[in-house]
All heavy atoms as atom14 arrays in JSON, in Angstrom:
{
  "sequence": "VALLTAPASWHRLLFRQGMRKEIIDTANVFAITGMVFLALAMIGTVLL",
  "atom14_mask": [
    [1, 1, 1, 1, 1, 1, 1, 0, 0, 0, 0, 0, 0, 0],
    [1, 1, 1, 1, 1, 0, 0, 0, 0, 0, 0, 0, 0, 0],
    [1, 1, 1, 1, 1, 1, 1, 1, 0, 0, 0, 0, 0, 0],
    [1, 1, 1, 1, 1, 1, 1, 1, 0, 0, 0, 0, 0, 0],
    [1, 1, 1, 1, 1, 1, 1, 0, 0, 0, 0, 0, 0, 0],
    [1, 1, 1, 1, 1, 0, 0, 0, 0, 0, 0, 0, 0, 0],
    [1, 1, 1, 1, 1, 1, 1, 0, 0, 0, 0, 0, 0, 0],
    [1, 1, 1, 1, 1, 0, 0, 0, 0, 0, 0, 0, 0, 0],
    [1, 1, 1, 1, 1, 1, 0, 0, 0, 0, 0, 0, 0, 0],
    [1, 1, 1, 1, 1, 1, 1, 1, 1, 1, 1, 1, 1, 1],
    [1, 1, 1, 1, 1, 1, 1, 1, 1, 1, 0, 0, 0, 0],
    [1, 1, 1, 1, 1, 1, 1, 1, 1, 1, 1, 0, 0, 0],
    [1, 1, 1, 1, 1, 1, 1, 1, 0, 0, 0, 0, 0, 0],
    [1, 1, 1, 1, 1, 1, 1, 1, 0, 0, 0, 0, 0, 0],
    [1, 1, 1, 1, 1, 1, 1, 1, 1, 1, 1, 0, 0, 0],
    [1, 1, 1, 1, 1, 1, 1, 1, 1, 1, 1, 0, 0, 0],
    [1, 1, 1, 1, 1, 1, 1, 1, 1, 0, 0, 0, 0, 0],
    [1, 1, 1, 1, 0, 0, 0, 0, 0, 0, 0, 0, 0, 0],
    [1, 1, 1, 1, 1, 1, 1, 1, 0, 0, 0, 0, 0, 0],
    [1, 1, 1, 1, 1, 1, 1, 1, 1, 1, 1, 0, 0, 0],
    [1, 1, 1, 1, 1, 1, 1, 1, 1, 0, 0, 0, 0, 0],
    [1, 1, 1, 1, 1, 1, 1, 1, 1, 0, 0, 0, 0, 0],
    [1, 1, 1, 1, 1, 1, 1, 1, 0, 0, 0, 0, 0, 0],
    [1, 1, 1, 1, 1, 1, 1, 1, 0, 0, 0, 0, 0, 0],
    [1, 1, 1, 1, 1, 1, 1, 1, 0, 0, 0, 0, 0, 0],
    [1, 1, 1, 1, 1, 1, 1, 0, 0, 0, 0, 0, 0, 0],
    [1, 1, 1, 1, 1, 0, 0, 0, 0, 0, 0, 0, 0, 0],
    [1, 1, 1, 1, 1, 1, 1, 1, 0, 0, 0, 0, 0, 0],
    [1, 1, 1, 1, 1, 1, 1, 0, 0, 0, 0, 0, 0, 0],
    [1, 1, 1, 1, 1, 1, 1, 1, 1, 1, 1, 0, 0, 0],
    [1, 1, 1, 1, 1, 0, 0, 0, 0, 0, 0, 0, 0, 0],
    [1, 1, 1, 1, 1, 1, 1, 1, 0, 0, 0, 0, 0, 0],
    [1, 1, 1, 1, 1, 1, 1, 0, 0, 0, 0, 0, 0, 0],
    [1, 1, 1, 1, 0, 0, 0, 0, 0, 0, 0, 0, 0, 0],
    [1, 1, 1, 1, 1, 1, 1, 1, 0, 0, 0, 0, 0, 0],
    [1, 1, 1, 1, 1, 1, 1, 0, 0, 0, 0, 0, 0, 0],
    [1, 1, 1, 1, 1, 1, 1, 1, 1, 1, 1, 0, 0, 0],
    [1, 1, 1, 1, 1, 1, 1, 1, 0, 0, 0, 0, 0, 0],
    [1, 1, 1, 1, 1, 0, 0, 0, 0, 0, 0, 0, 0, 0],
    [1, 1, 1, 1, 1, 1, 1, 1, 0, 0, 0, 0, 0, 0],
    [1, 1, 1, 1, 1, 0, 0, 0, 0, 0, 0, 0, 0, 0],
    [1, 1, 1, 1, 1, 1, 1, 1, 0, 0, 0, 0, 0, 0],
    [1, 1, 1, 1, 1, 1, 1, 1, 0, 0, 0, 0, 0, 0],
    [1, 1, 1, 1, 0, 0, 0, 0, 0, 0, 0, 0, 0, 0],
    [1, 1, 1, 1, 1, 1, 1, 0, 0, 0, 0, 0, 0, 0],
    [1, 1, 1, 1, 1, 1, 1, 0, 0, 0, 0, 0, 0, 0],
    [1, 1, 1, 1, 1, 1, 1, 1, 0, 0, 0, 0, 0, 0],
    [1, 1, 1, 1, 1, 1, 1, 1, 0, 0, 0, 0, 0, 0]
  ],
  "atom14_positions": [
    [[-107.4, 1.93, 133.24], [-107.56, 0.58, 133.8], [-109.02, 0.14, 133.68], [-109.31, -0.97, 133.23], [-107.09, 0.51, 135.27], [-107.52, -0.79, 135.92], [-105.58, 0.68, 135.37], [0.0, 0.0, 0.0], [0.0, 0.0, 0.0], [0.0, 0.0, 0.0], [0.0, 0.0, 0.0], [0.0, 0.0, 0.0], [0.0, 0.0, 0.0], [0.0, 0.0, 0.0]],
    [[-109.93, 1.01, 134.06], [-111.36, 0.66, 134.01], [-111.8, 0.35, 132.58], [-112.48, -0.66, 132.34], [-112.2, 1.8, 134.59], [0.0, 0.0, 0.0], [0.0, 0.0, 0.0], [0.0, 0.0, 0.0], [0.0, 0.0, 0.0], [0.0, 0.0, 0.0], [0.0, 0.0, 0.0], [0.0, 0.0, 0.0], [0.0, 0.0, 0.0], [0.0, 0.0, 0.0]],
    [[-111.41, 1.18, 131.64], [-111.84, 0.99, 130.26], [-111.18, -0.23, 129.6], [-111.82, -0.94, 128.83], [-111.53, 2.25, 129.45], [-112.44, 3.43, 129.76], [-111.8, 4.74, 129.3], [-113.8, 3.24, 129.11], [0.0, 0.0, 0.0], [0.0, 0.0, 0.0], [0.0, 0.0, 0.0], [0.0, 0.0, 0.0], [0.0, 0.0, 0.0], [0.0, 0.0, 0.0]],
    [[-109.91, -0.47, 129.9], [-109.2, -1.57, 129.25], [-109.53, -2.93, 129.87], [-109.3, -3.96, 129.24], [-107.69, -1.32, 129.29], [-107.22, -0.13, 128.44], [-105.76, 0.17, 128.7], [-107.48, -0.38, 126.97], [0.0, 0.0, 0.0], [0.0, 0.0, 0.0], [0.0, 0.0, 0.0], [0.0, 0.0, 0.0], [0.0, 0.0, 0.0], [0.0, 0.0, 0.0]],
    [[-110.06, -2.94, 131.08], [-110.46, -4.21, 131.68], [-111.96, -4.47, 131.54], [-112.4, -5.61, 131.69], [-110.07, -4.27, 133.18], [-110.67, -3.17, 133.87], [-108.56, -4.25, 133.36], [0.0, 0.0, 0.0], [0.0, 0.0, 0.0], [0.0, 0.0, 0.0], [0.0, 0.0, 0.0], [0.0, 0.0, 0.0], [0.0, 0.0, 0.0], [0.0, 0.0, 0.0]],
    [[-112.74, -3.46, 131.22], [-114.19, -3.62, 131.08], [-114.59, -4.67, 130.04], [-115.53, -5.43, 130.29], [-114.84, -2.27, 130.76], [0.0, 0.0, 0.0], [0.0, 0.0, 0.0], [0.0, 0.0, 0.0], [0.0, 0.0, 0.0], [0.0, 0.0, 0.0], [0.0, 0.0, 0.0], [0.0, 0.0, 0.0], [0.0, 0.0, 0.0], [0.0, 0.0, 0.0]],
    [[-113.91, -4.76, 128.88], [-114.34, -5.78, 127.91], [-114.31, -7.21, 128.45], [-115.2, -8.01, 128.12], [-113.34, -5.61, 126.76], [-112.97, -4.16, 126.82], [-112.9, -3.87, 128.31], [0.0, 0.0, 0.0], [0.0, 0.0, 0.0], [0.0, 0.0, 0.0], [0.0, 0.0, 0.0], [0.0, 0.0, 0.0], [0.0, 0.0, 0.0], [0.0, 0.0, 0.0]],
    [[-113.35, -7.53, 129.29], [-113.31, -8.89, 129.87], [-114.52, -9.11, 130.77], [-115.13, -10.18, 130.75], [-112.01, -9.08, 130.65], [0.0, 0.0, 0.0], [0.0, 0.0, 0.0], [0.0, 0.0, 0.0], [0.0, 0.0, 0.0], [0.0, 0.0, 0.0], [0.0, 0.0, 0.0], [0.0, 0.0, 0.0], [0.0, 0.0, 0.0], [0.0, 0.0, 0.0]],
    [[-114.89, -8.12, 131.53], [-116.06, -8.23, 132.4], [-117.34, -8.35, 131.57], [-118.21, -9.18, 131.87], [-116.13, -7.01, 133.33], [-117.27, -7.08, 134.13], [0.0, 0.0, 0.0], [0.0, 0.0, 0.0], [0.0, 0.0, 0.0], [0.0, 0.0, 0.0], [0.0, 0.0, 0.0], [0.0, 0.0, 0.0], [0.0, 0.0, 0.0], [0.0, 0.0, 0.0]],
    [[-117.46, -7.52, 130.54], [-118.63, -7.59, 129.67], [-118.74, -8.98, 129.05], [-119.82, -9.56, 129.0], [-118.55, -6.53, 128.57], [-119.05, -5.19, 128.99], [-118.59, -4.43, 130.01], [-120.14, -4.48, 128.42], [-119.29, -3.27, 130.1], [-120.25, -3.27, 129.12], [-120.99, -4.74, 127.35], [-121.21, -2.33, 128.8], [-121.94, -3.79, 127.04], [-122.05, -2.6, 127.77]],
    [[-117.61, -9.48, 128.56], [-117.62, -10.8, 127.93], [-118.06, -11.86, 128.94], [-118.88, -12.72, 128.65], [-116.25, -11.13, 127.36], [-116.18, -12.5, 126.76], [-115.58, -13.55, 127.43], [-116.64, -12.99, 125.59], [-115.69, -14.63, 126.67], [-116.32, -14.33, 125.55], [0.0, 0.0, 0.0], [0.0, 0.0, 0.0], [0.0, 0.0, 0.0], [0.0, 0.0, 0.0]],
    [[-117.51, -11.82, 130.12], [-117.82, -12.84, 131.12], [-119.28, -12.76, 131.54], [-119.96, -13.77, 131.66], [-116.89, -12.66, 132.34], [-116.93, -13.73, 133.35], [-116.73, -15.17, 132.91], [-115.97, -15.4, 131.7], [-116.16, -16.42, 130.86], [-117.08, -17.33, 131.07], [-115.42, -16.55, 129.78], [0.0, 0.0, 0.0], [0.0, 0.0, 0.0], [0.0, 0.0, 0.0]],
    [[-119.81, -11.55, 131.76], [-121.19, -11.41, 132.23], [-122.21, -11.69, 131.14], [-123.34, -12.1, 131.44], [-121.4, -10.01, 132.8], [-120.65, -9.73, 134.11], [-120.75, -8.26, 134.48], [-121.19, -10.6, 135.23], [0.0, 0.0, 0.0], [0.0, 0.0, 0.0], [0.0, 0.0, 0.0], [0.0, 0.0, 0.0], [0.0, 0.0, 0.0], [0.0, 0.0, 0.0]],
    [[-121.83, -11.47, 129.89], [-122.78, -11.67, 128.78], [-122.45, -12.92, 127.97], [-123.03, -13.13, 126.9], [-122.79, -10.44, 127.87], [-123.22, -9.14, 128.57], [-123.08, -7.96, 127.63], [-124.64, -9.25, 129.1], [0.0, 0.0, 0.0], [0.0, 0.0, 0.0], [0.0, 0.0, 0.0], [0.0, 0.0, 0.0], [0.0, 0.0, 0.0], [0.0, 0.0, 0.0]],
    [[-121.55, -13.74, 128.49], [-121.13, -14.97, 127.82], [-122.34, -15.85, 127.54], [-123.21, -16.02, 128.38], [-120.13, -15.68, 128.74], [-119.56, -16.95, 128.2], [-118.74, -16.93, 127.09], [-119.81, -18.16, 128.82], [-118.18, -18.09, 126.59], [-119.27, -19.33, 128.34], [-118.44, -19.29, 127.21], [0.0, 0.0, 0.0], [0.0, 0.0, 0.0], [0.0, 0.0, 0.0]],
    [[-122.41, -16.38, 126.34], [-123.48, -17.28, 125.89], [-124.88, -16.66, 125.93], [-125.87, -17.36, 126.13], [-123.46, -18.58, 126.68], [-122.21, -19.39, 126.4], [-122.31, -20.75, 126.98], [-121.1, -21.5, 126.63], [-120.71, -22.57, 127.25], [-121.42, -23.07, 128.24], [-119.62, -23.19, 126.88], [0.0, 0.0, 0.0], [0.0, 0.0, 0.0], [0.0, 0.0, 0.0]],
    [[-124.94, -15.37, 125.76], [-126.23, -14.69, 125.69], [-126.59, -14.31, 124.25], [-127.55, -13.59, 124.03], [-126.23, -13.43, 126.57], [-125.97, -13.69, 128.04], [-127.03, -14.57, 128.65], [-128.22, -14.31, 128.53], [-126.6, -15.66, 129.3], [0.0, 0.0, 0.0], [0.0, 0.0, 0.0], [0.0, 0.0, 0.0], [0.0, 0.0, 0.0], [0.0, 0.0, 0.0]],
    [[-125.77, -14.76, 123.29], [-126.02, -14.43, 121.89], [-125.75, -12.97, 121.57], [-126.36, -12.42, 120.66], [0.0, 0.0, 0.0], [0.0, 0.0, 0.0], [0.0, 0.0, 0.0], [0.0, 0.0, 0.0], [0.0, 0.0, 0.0], [0.0, 0.0, 0.0], [0.0, 0.0, 0.0], [0.0, 0.0, 0.0], [0.0, 0.0, 0.0], [0.0, 0.0, 0.0]],
    [[-124.85, -12.35, 122.34], [-124.58, -10.92, 122.18], [-123.13, -10.64, 121.77], [-122.61, -9.57, 122.04], [-124.89, -10.2, 123.5], [-126.33, -10.36, 123.95], [-126.64, -9.51, 125.51], [-126.52, -7.82, 125.0], [0.0, 0.0, 0.0], [0.0, 0.0, 0.0], [0.0, 0.0, 0.0], [0.0, 0.0, 0.0], [0.0, 0.0, 0.0], [0.0, 0.0, 0.0]],
    [[-122.51, -11.6, 121.11], [-121.09, -11.46, 120.78], [-120.81, -10.18, 119.97], [-119.86, -9.47, 120.25], [-120.6, -12.69, 120.03], [-119.1, -12.7, 119.86], [-118.62, -13.96, 119.22], [-118.54, -15.01, 120.22], [-118.49, -16.3, 119.95], [-118.54, -16.71, 118.69], [-118.41, -17.18, 120.9], [0.0, 0.0, 0.0], [0.0, 0.0, 0.0], [0.0, 0.0, 0.0]],
    [[-121.62, -9.87, 118.98], [-121.4, -8.67, 118.17], [-121.5, -7.41, 119.02], [-120.67, -6.52, 118.91], [-122.39, -8.6, 117.01], [-122.21, -7.32, 116.19], [-122.71, -7.45, 114.8], [-122.58, -6.2, 113.97], [-121.58, -5.24, 114.32], [0.0, 0.0, 0.0], [0.0, 0.0, 0.0], [0.0, 0.0, 0.0], [0.0, 0.0, 0.0], [0.0, 0.0, 0.0]],
    [[-122.5, -7.35, 119.9], [-122.65, -6.19, 120.77], [-121.47, -6.07, 121.73], [-120.99, -4.97, 122.0], [-123.96, -6.27, 121.57], [-125.21, -6.16, 120.71], [-125.66, -7.48, 120.07], [-124.95, -8.52, 120.21], [-126.7, -7.47, 119.41], [0.0, 0.0, 0.0], [0.0, 0.0, 0.0], [0.0, 0.0, 0.0], [0.0, 0.0, 0.0], [0.0, 0.0, 0.0]],
    [[-121.01, -7.19, 122.23], [-119.85, -7.19, 123.13], [-118.63, -6.65, 122.39], [-117.9, -5.8, 122.92], [-119.56, -8.6, 123.69], [-120.69, -9.05, 124.61], [-118.22, -8.65, 124.41], [-120.63, -10.53, 124.97], [0.0, 0.0, 0.0], [0.0, 0.0, 0.0], [0.0, 0.0, 0.0], [0.0, 0.0, 0.0], [0.0, 0.0, 0.0], [0.0, 0.0, 0.0]],
    [[-118.41, -7.12, 121.17], [-117.25, -6.67, 120.39], [-117.35, -5.19, 120.07], [-116.36, -4.45, 120.22], [-117.11, -7.5, 119.1], [-116.72, -8.94, 119.45], [-116.08, -6.89, 118.15], [-116.81, -9.9, 118.3], [0.0, 0.0, 0.0], [0.0, 0.0, 0.0], [0.0, 0.0, 0.0], [0.0, 0.0, 0.0], [0.0, 0.0, 0.0], [0.0, 0.0, 0.0]],
    [[-118.51, -4.73, 119.66], [-118.69, -3.31, 119.34], [-118.42, -2.43, 120.56], [-117.72, -1.42, 120.48], [-120.09, -3.04, 118.8], [-120.32, -3.64, 117.42], [-119.34, -4.01, 116.75], [-121.51, -3.75, 117.02], [0.0, 0.0, 0.0], [0.0, 0.0, 0.0], [0.0, 0.0, 0.0], [0.0, 0.0, 0.0], [0.0, 0.0, 0.0], [0.0, 0.0, 0.0]],
    [[-118.98, -2.81, 121.7], [-118.79, -2.05, 122.93], [-117.34, -2.13, 123.39], [-116.74, -1.12, 123.79], [-119.74, -2.57, 124.04], [-121.08, -2.47, 123.57], [-119.59, -1.77, 125.31], [0.0, 0.0, 0.0], [0.0, 0.0, 0.0], [0.0, 0.0, 0.0], [0.0, 0.0, 0.0], [0.0, 0.0, 0.0], [0.0, 0.0, 0.0], [0.0, 0.0, 0.0]],
    [[-116.77, -3.33, 123.36], [-115.38, -3.52, 123.78], [-114.43, -2.71, 122.92], [-113.42, -2.19, 123.42], [-115.02, -5.0, 123.74], [0.0, 0.0, 0.0], [0.0, 0.0, 0.0], [0.0, 0.0, 0.0], [0.0, 0.0, 0.0], [0.0, 0.0, 0.0], [0.0, 0.0, 0.0], [0.0, 0.0, 0.0], [0.0, 0.0, 0.0], [0.0, 0.0, 0.0]],
    [[-114.72, -2.6, 121.63], [-113.88, -1.81, 120.75], [-113.88, -0.33, 121.17], [-112.82, 0.3, 121.22], [-114.35, -1.95, 119.3], [-113.41, -1.29, 118.33], [-112.22, -1.6, 118.3], [-113.93, -0.37, 117.55], [0.0, 0.0, 0.0], [0.0, 0.0, 0.0], [0.0, 0.0, 0.0], [0.0, 0.0, 0.0], [0.0, 0.0, 0.0], [0.0, 0.0, 0.0]],
    [[-115.05, 0.19, 121.49], [-115.13, 1.58, 121.96], [-114.36, 1.73, 123.28], [-113.6, 2.69, 123.47], [-116.6, 2.02, 122.12], [-116.71, 3.38, 122.81], [-117.29, 2.04, 120.77], [0.0, 0.0, 0.0], [0.0, 0.0, 0.0], [0.0, 0.0, 0.0], [0.0, 0.0, 0.0], [0.0, 0.0, 0.0], [0.0, 0.0, 0.0], [0.0, 0.0, 0.0]],
    [[-114.56, 0.79, 124.2], [-113.83, 0.82, 125.47], [-112.32, 0.78, 125.23], [-111.56, 1.51, 125.87], [-114.21, -0.35, 126.37], [-115.56, -0.25, 127.01], [-116.21, -1.39, 127.45], [-116.2, 0.97, 127.2], [-117.44, -1.32, 128.06], [-117.44, 1.05, 127.8], [-118.07, -0.11, 128.24], [0.0, 0.0, 0.0], [0.0, 0.0, 0.0], [0.0, 0.0, 0.0]],
    [[-111.88, -0.09, 124.33], [-110.45, -0.24, 124.07], [-109.83, 1.03, 123.51], [-108.78, 1.48, 123.96], [-110.2, -1.42, 123.13], [0.0, 0.0, 0.0], [0.0, 0.0, 0.0], [0.0, 0.0, 0.0], [0.0, 0.0, 0.0], [0.0, 0.0, 0.0], [0.0, 0.0, 0.0], [0.0, 0.0, 0.0], [0.0, 0.0, 0.0], [0.0, 0.0, 0.0]],
    [[-110.49, 1.61, 122.52], [-109.96, 2.85, 121.93], [-109.96, 3.98, 122.94], [-108.96, 4.7, 123.09], [-110.76, 3.22, 120.66], [-110.5, 2.18, 119.56], [-110.38, 4.63, 120.18], [-111.43, 2.29, 118.37], [0.0, 0.0, 0.0], [0.0, 0.0, 0.0], [0.0, 0.0, 0.0], [0.0, 0.0, 0.0], [0.0, 0.0, 0.0], [0.0, 0.0, 0.0]],
    [[-111.05, 4.12, 123.67], [-111.12, 5.17, 124.69], [-110.09, 4.92, 125.79], [-109.44, 5.85, 126.27], [-112.54, 5.25, 125.29], [-113.49, 5.37, 124.21], [-112.69, 6.43, 126.23], [0.0, 0.0, 0.0], [0.0, 0.0, 0.0], [0.0, 0.0, 0.0], [0.0, 0.0, 0.0], [0.0, 0.0, 0.0], [0.0, 0.0, 0.0], [0.0, 0.0, 0.0]],
    [[-109.93, 3.66, 126.17], [-108.92, 3.3, 127.17], [-107.52, 3.64, 126.71], [-106.69, 4.1, 127.5], [0.0, 0.0, 0.0], [0.0, 0.0, 0.0], [0.0, 0.0, 0.0], [0.0, 0.0, 0.0], [0.0, 0.0, 0.0], [0.0, 0.0, 0.0], [0.0, 0.0, 0.0], [0.0, 0.0, 0.0], [0.0, 0.0, 0.0], [0.0, 0.0, 0.0]],
    [[-107.24, 3.44, 125.43], [-105.91, 3.79, 124.9], [-105.7, 5.3, 124.91], [-104.59, 5.77, 125.15], [-105.73, 3.22, 123.49], [-105.71, 1.7, 123.44], [-104.45, 0.94, 124.48], [-102.98, 1.36, 123.57], [0.0, 0.0, 0.0], [0.0, 0.0, 0.0], [0.0, 0.0, 0.0], [0.0, 0.0, 0.0], [0.0, 0.0, 0.0], [0.0, 0.0, 0.0]],
    [[-106.76, 6.07, 124.67], [-106.66, 7.53, 124.77], [-106.29, 7.91, 126.21], [-105.37, 8.71, 126.44], [-107.97, 8.23, 124.33], [-107.95, 9.71, 124.69], [-108.2, 8.03, 122.84], [0.0, 0.0, 0.0], [0.0, 0.0, 0.0], [0.0, 0.0, 0.0], [0.0, 0.0, 0.0], [0.0, 0.0, 0.0], [0.0, 0.0, 0.0], [0.0, 0.0, 0.0]],
    [[-107.0, 7.34, 127.17], [-106.71, 7.65, 128.58], [-105.32, 7.16, 128.99], [-104.62, 7.82, 129.75], [-107.78, 7.08, 129.5], [-108.99, 7.96, 129.6], [-110.08, 7.78, 128.76], [-109.06, 8.99, 130.54], [-111.19, 8.6, 128.83], [-110.16, 9.81, 130.63], [-111.24, 9.62, 129.76], [0.0, 0.0, 0.0], [0.0, 0.0, 0.0], [0.0, 0.0, 0.0]],
    [[-104.91, 6.01, 128.47], [-103.57, 5.51, 128.76], [-102.52, 6.44, 128.18], [-101.53, 6.76, 128.85], [-103.39, 4.09, 128.23], [-102.0, 3.47, 128.41], [-101.55, 3.5, 129.86], [-101.99, 2.05, 127.85], [0.0, 0.0, 0.0], [0.0, 0.0, 0.0], [0.0, 0.0, 0.0], [0.0, 0.0, 0.0], [0.0, 0.0, 0.0], [0.0, 0.0, 0.0]],
    [[-102.72, 6.9, 126.95], [-101.77, 7.84, 126.36], [-101.69, 9.12, 127.19], [-100.59, 9.61, 127.48], [-102.18, 8.16, 124.92], [0.0, 0.0, 0.0], [0.0, 0.0, 0.0], [0.0, 0.0, 0.0], [0.0, 0.0, 0.0], [0.0, 0.0, 0.0], [0.0, 0.0, 0.0], [0.0, 0.0, 0.0], [0.0, 0.0, 0.0], [0.0, 0.0, 0.0]],
    [[-102.84, 9.63, 127.61], [-102.84, 10.84, 128.44], [-102.15, 10.6, 129.78], [-101.41, 11.46, 130.28], [-104.27, 11.34, 128.66], [-104.97, 11.87, 127.4], [-106.45, 12.14, 127.69], [-104.27, 13.11, 126.88], [0.0, 0.0, 0.0], [0.0, 0.0, 0.0], [0.0, 0.0, 0.0], [0.0, 0.0, 0.0], [0.0, 0.0, 0.0], [0.0, 0.0, 0.0]],
    [[-102.36, 9.42, 130.37], [-101.68, 9.09, 131.63], [-100.18, 8.97, 131.43], [-99.39, 9.4, 132.28], [-102.25, 7.79, 132.21], [0.0, 0.0, 0.0], [0.0, 0.0, 0.0], [0.0, 0.0, 0.0], [0.0, 0.0, 0.0], [0.0, 0.0, 0.0], [0.0, 0.0, 0.0], [0.0, 0.0, 0.0], [0.0, 0.0, 0.0], [0.0, 0.0, 0.0]],
    [[-99.76, 8.41, 130.31], [-98.32, 8.31, 130.02], [-97.72, 9.69, 129.82], [-96.63, 9.98, 130.33], [-98.09, 7.44, 128.77], [-98.43, 5.99, 128.95], [-97.37, 5.15, 130.14], [-95.83, 5.19, 129.28], [0.0, 0.0, 0.0], [0.0, 0.0, 0.0], [0.0, 0.0, 0.0], [0.0, 0.0, 0.0], [0.0, 0.0, 0.0], [0.0, 0.0, 0.0]],
    [[-98.41, 10.55, 129.1], [-97.94, 11.91, 128.89], [-97.85, 12.64, 130.23], [-96.86, 13.32, 130.52], [-98.87, 12.66, 127.91], [-98.77, 12.02, 126.52], [-98.54, 14.15, 127.86], [-99.93, 12.35, 125.6], [0.0, 0.0, 0.0], [0.0, 0.0, 0.0], [0.0, 0.0, 0.0], [0.0, 0.0, 0.0], [0.0, 0.0, 0.0], [0.0, 0.0, 0.0]],
    [[-98.88, 12.48, 131.07], [-98.85, 13.09, 132.4], [-97.7, 12.57, 133.24], [-97.05, 13.33, 133.97], [0.0, 0.0, 0.0], [0.0, 0.0, 0.0], [0.0, 0.0, 0.0], [0.0, 0.0, 0.0], [0.0, 0.0, 0.0], [0.0, 0.0, 0.0], [0.0, 0.0, 0.0], [0.0, 0.0, 0.0], [0.0, 0.0, 0.0], [0.0, 0.0, 0.0]],
    [[-97.41, 11.29, 133.14], [-96.3, 10.7, 133.89], [-94.97, 11.25, 133.41], [-94.09, 11.6, 134.22], [-96.32, 9.16, 133.77], [-97.57, 8.69, 134.26], [-95.19, 8.53, 134.56], [0.0, 0.0, 0.0], [0.0, 0.0, 0.0], [0.0, 0.0, 0.0], [0.0, 0.0, 0.0], [0.0, 0.0, 0.0], [0.0, 0.0, 0.0], [0.0, 0.0, 0.0]],
    [[-94.8, 11.35, 132.1], [-93.57, 11.92, 131.54], [-93.41, 13.37, 132.0], [-92.32, 13.79, 132.42], [-93.56, 11.8, 130.0], [-92.43, 12.61, 129.39], [-93.46, 10.34, 129.59], [0.0, 0.0, 0.0], [0.0, 0.0, 0.0], [0.0, 0.0, 0.0], [0.0, 0.0, 0.0], [0.0, 0.0, 0.0], [0.0, 0.0, 0.0], [0.0, 0.0, 0.0]],
    [[-94.49, 14.13, 131.95], [-94.45, 15.52, 132.41], [-94.14, 15.58, 133.91], [-93.32, 16.41, 134.35], [-95.77, 16.22, 132.11], [-95.9, 17.68, 132.54], [-94.8, 18.54, 131.91], [-97.28, 18.22, 132.18], [0.0, 0.0, 0.0], [0.0, 0.0, 0.0], [0.0, 0.0, 0.0], [0.0, 0.0, 0.0], [0.0, 0.0, 0.0], [0.0, 0.0, 0.0]],
    [[-94.76, 14.72, 134.67], [-94.52, 14.68, 136.11], [-93.04, 14.39, 136.42], [-92.42, 15.07, 137.24], [-95.41, 13.6, 136.75], [-95.42, 13.47, 138.25], [-95.95, 14.74, 138.9], [-96.28, 12.28, 138.67], [0.0, 0.0, 0.0], [0.0, 0.0, 0.0], [0.0, 0.0, 0.0], [0.0, 0.0, 0.0], [0.0, 0.0, 0.0], [0.0, 0.0, 0.0]]
  ]
}
């Protein structure tokens, strides 16, 4: 949840600061890492 929602917060806080590329690069890392954690949470839920 933290990783997959962080890009929206980064975008909102850095909006119009001329940092769009940095936001996208960081958000991409957050998104991929968030999907890893989501997959692990889903696997844990299935196991549970």
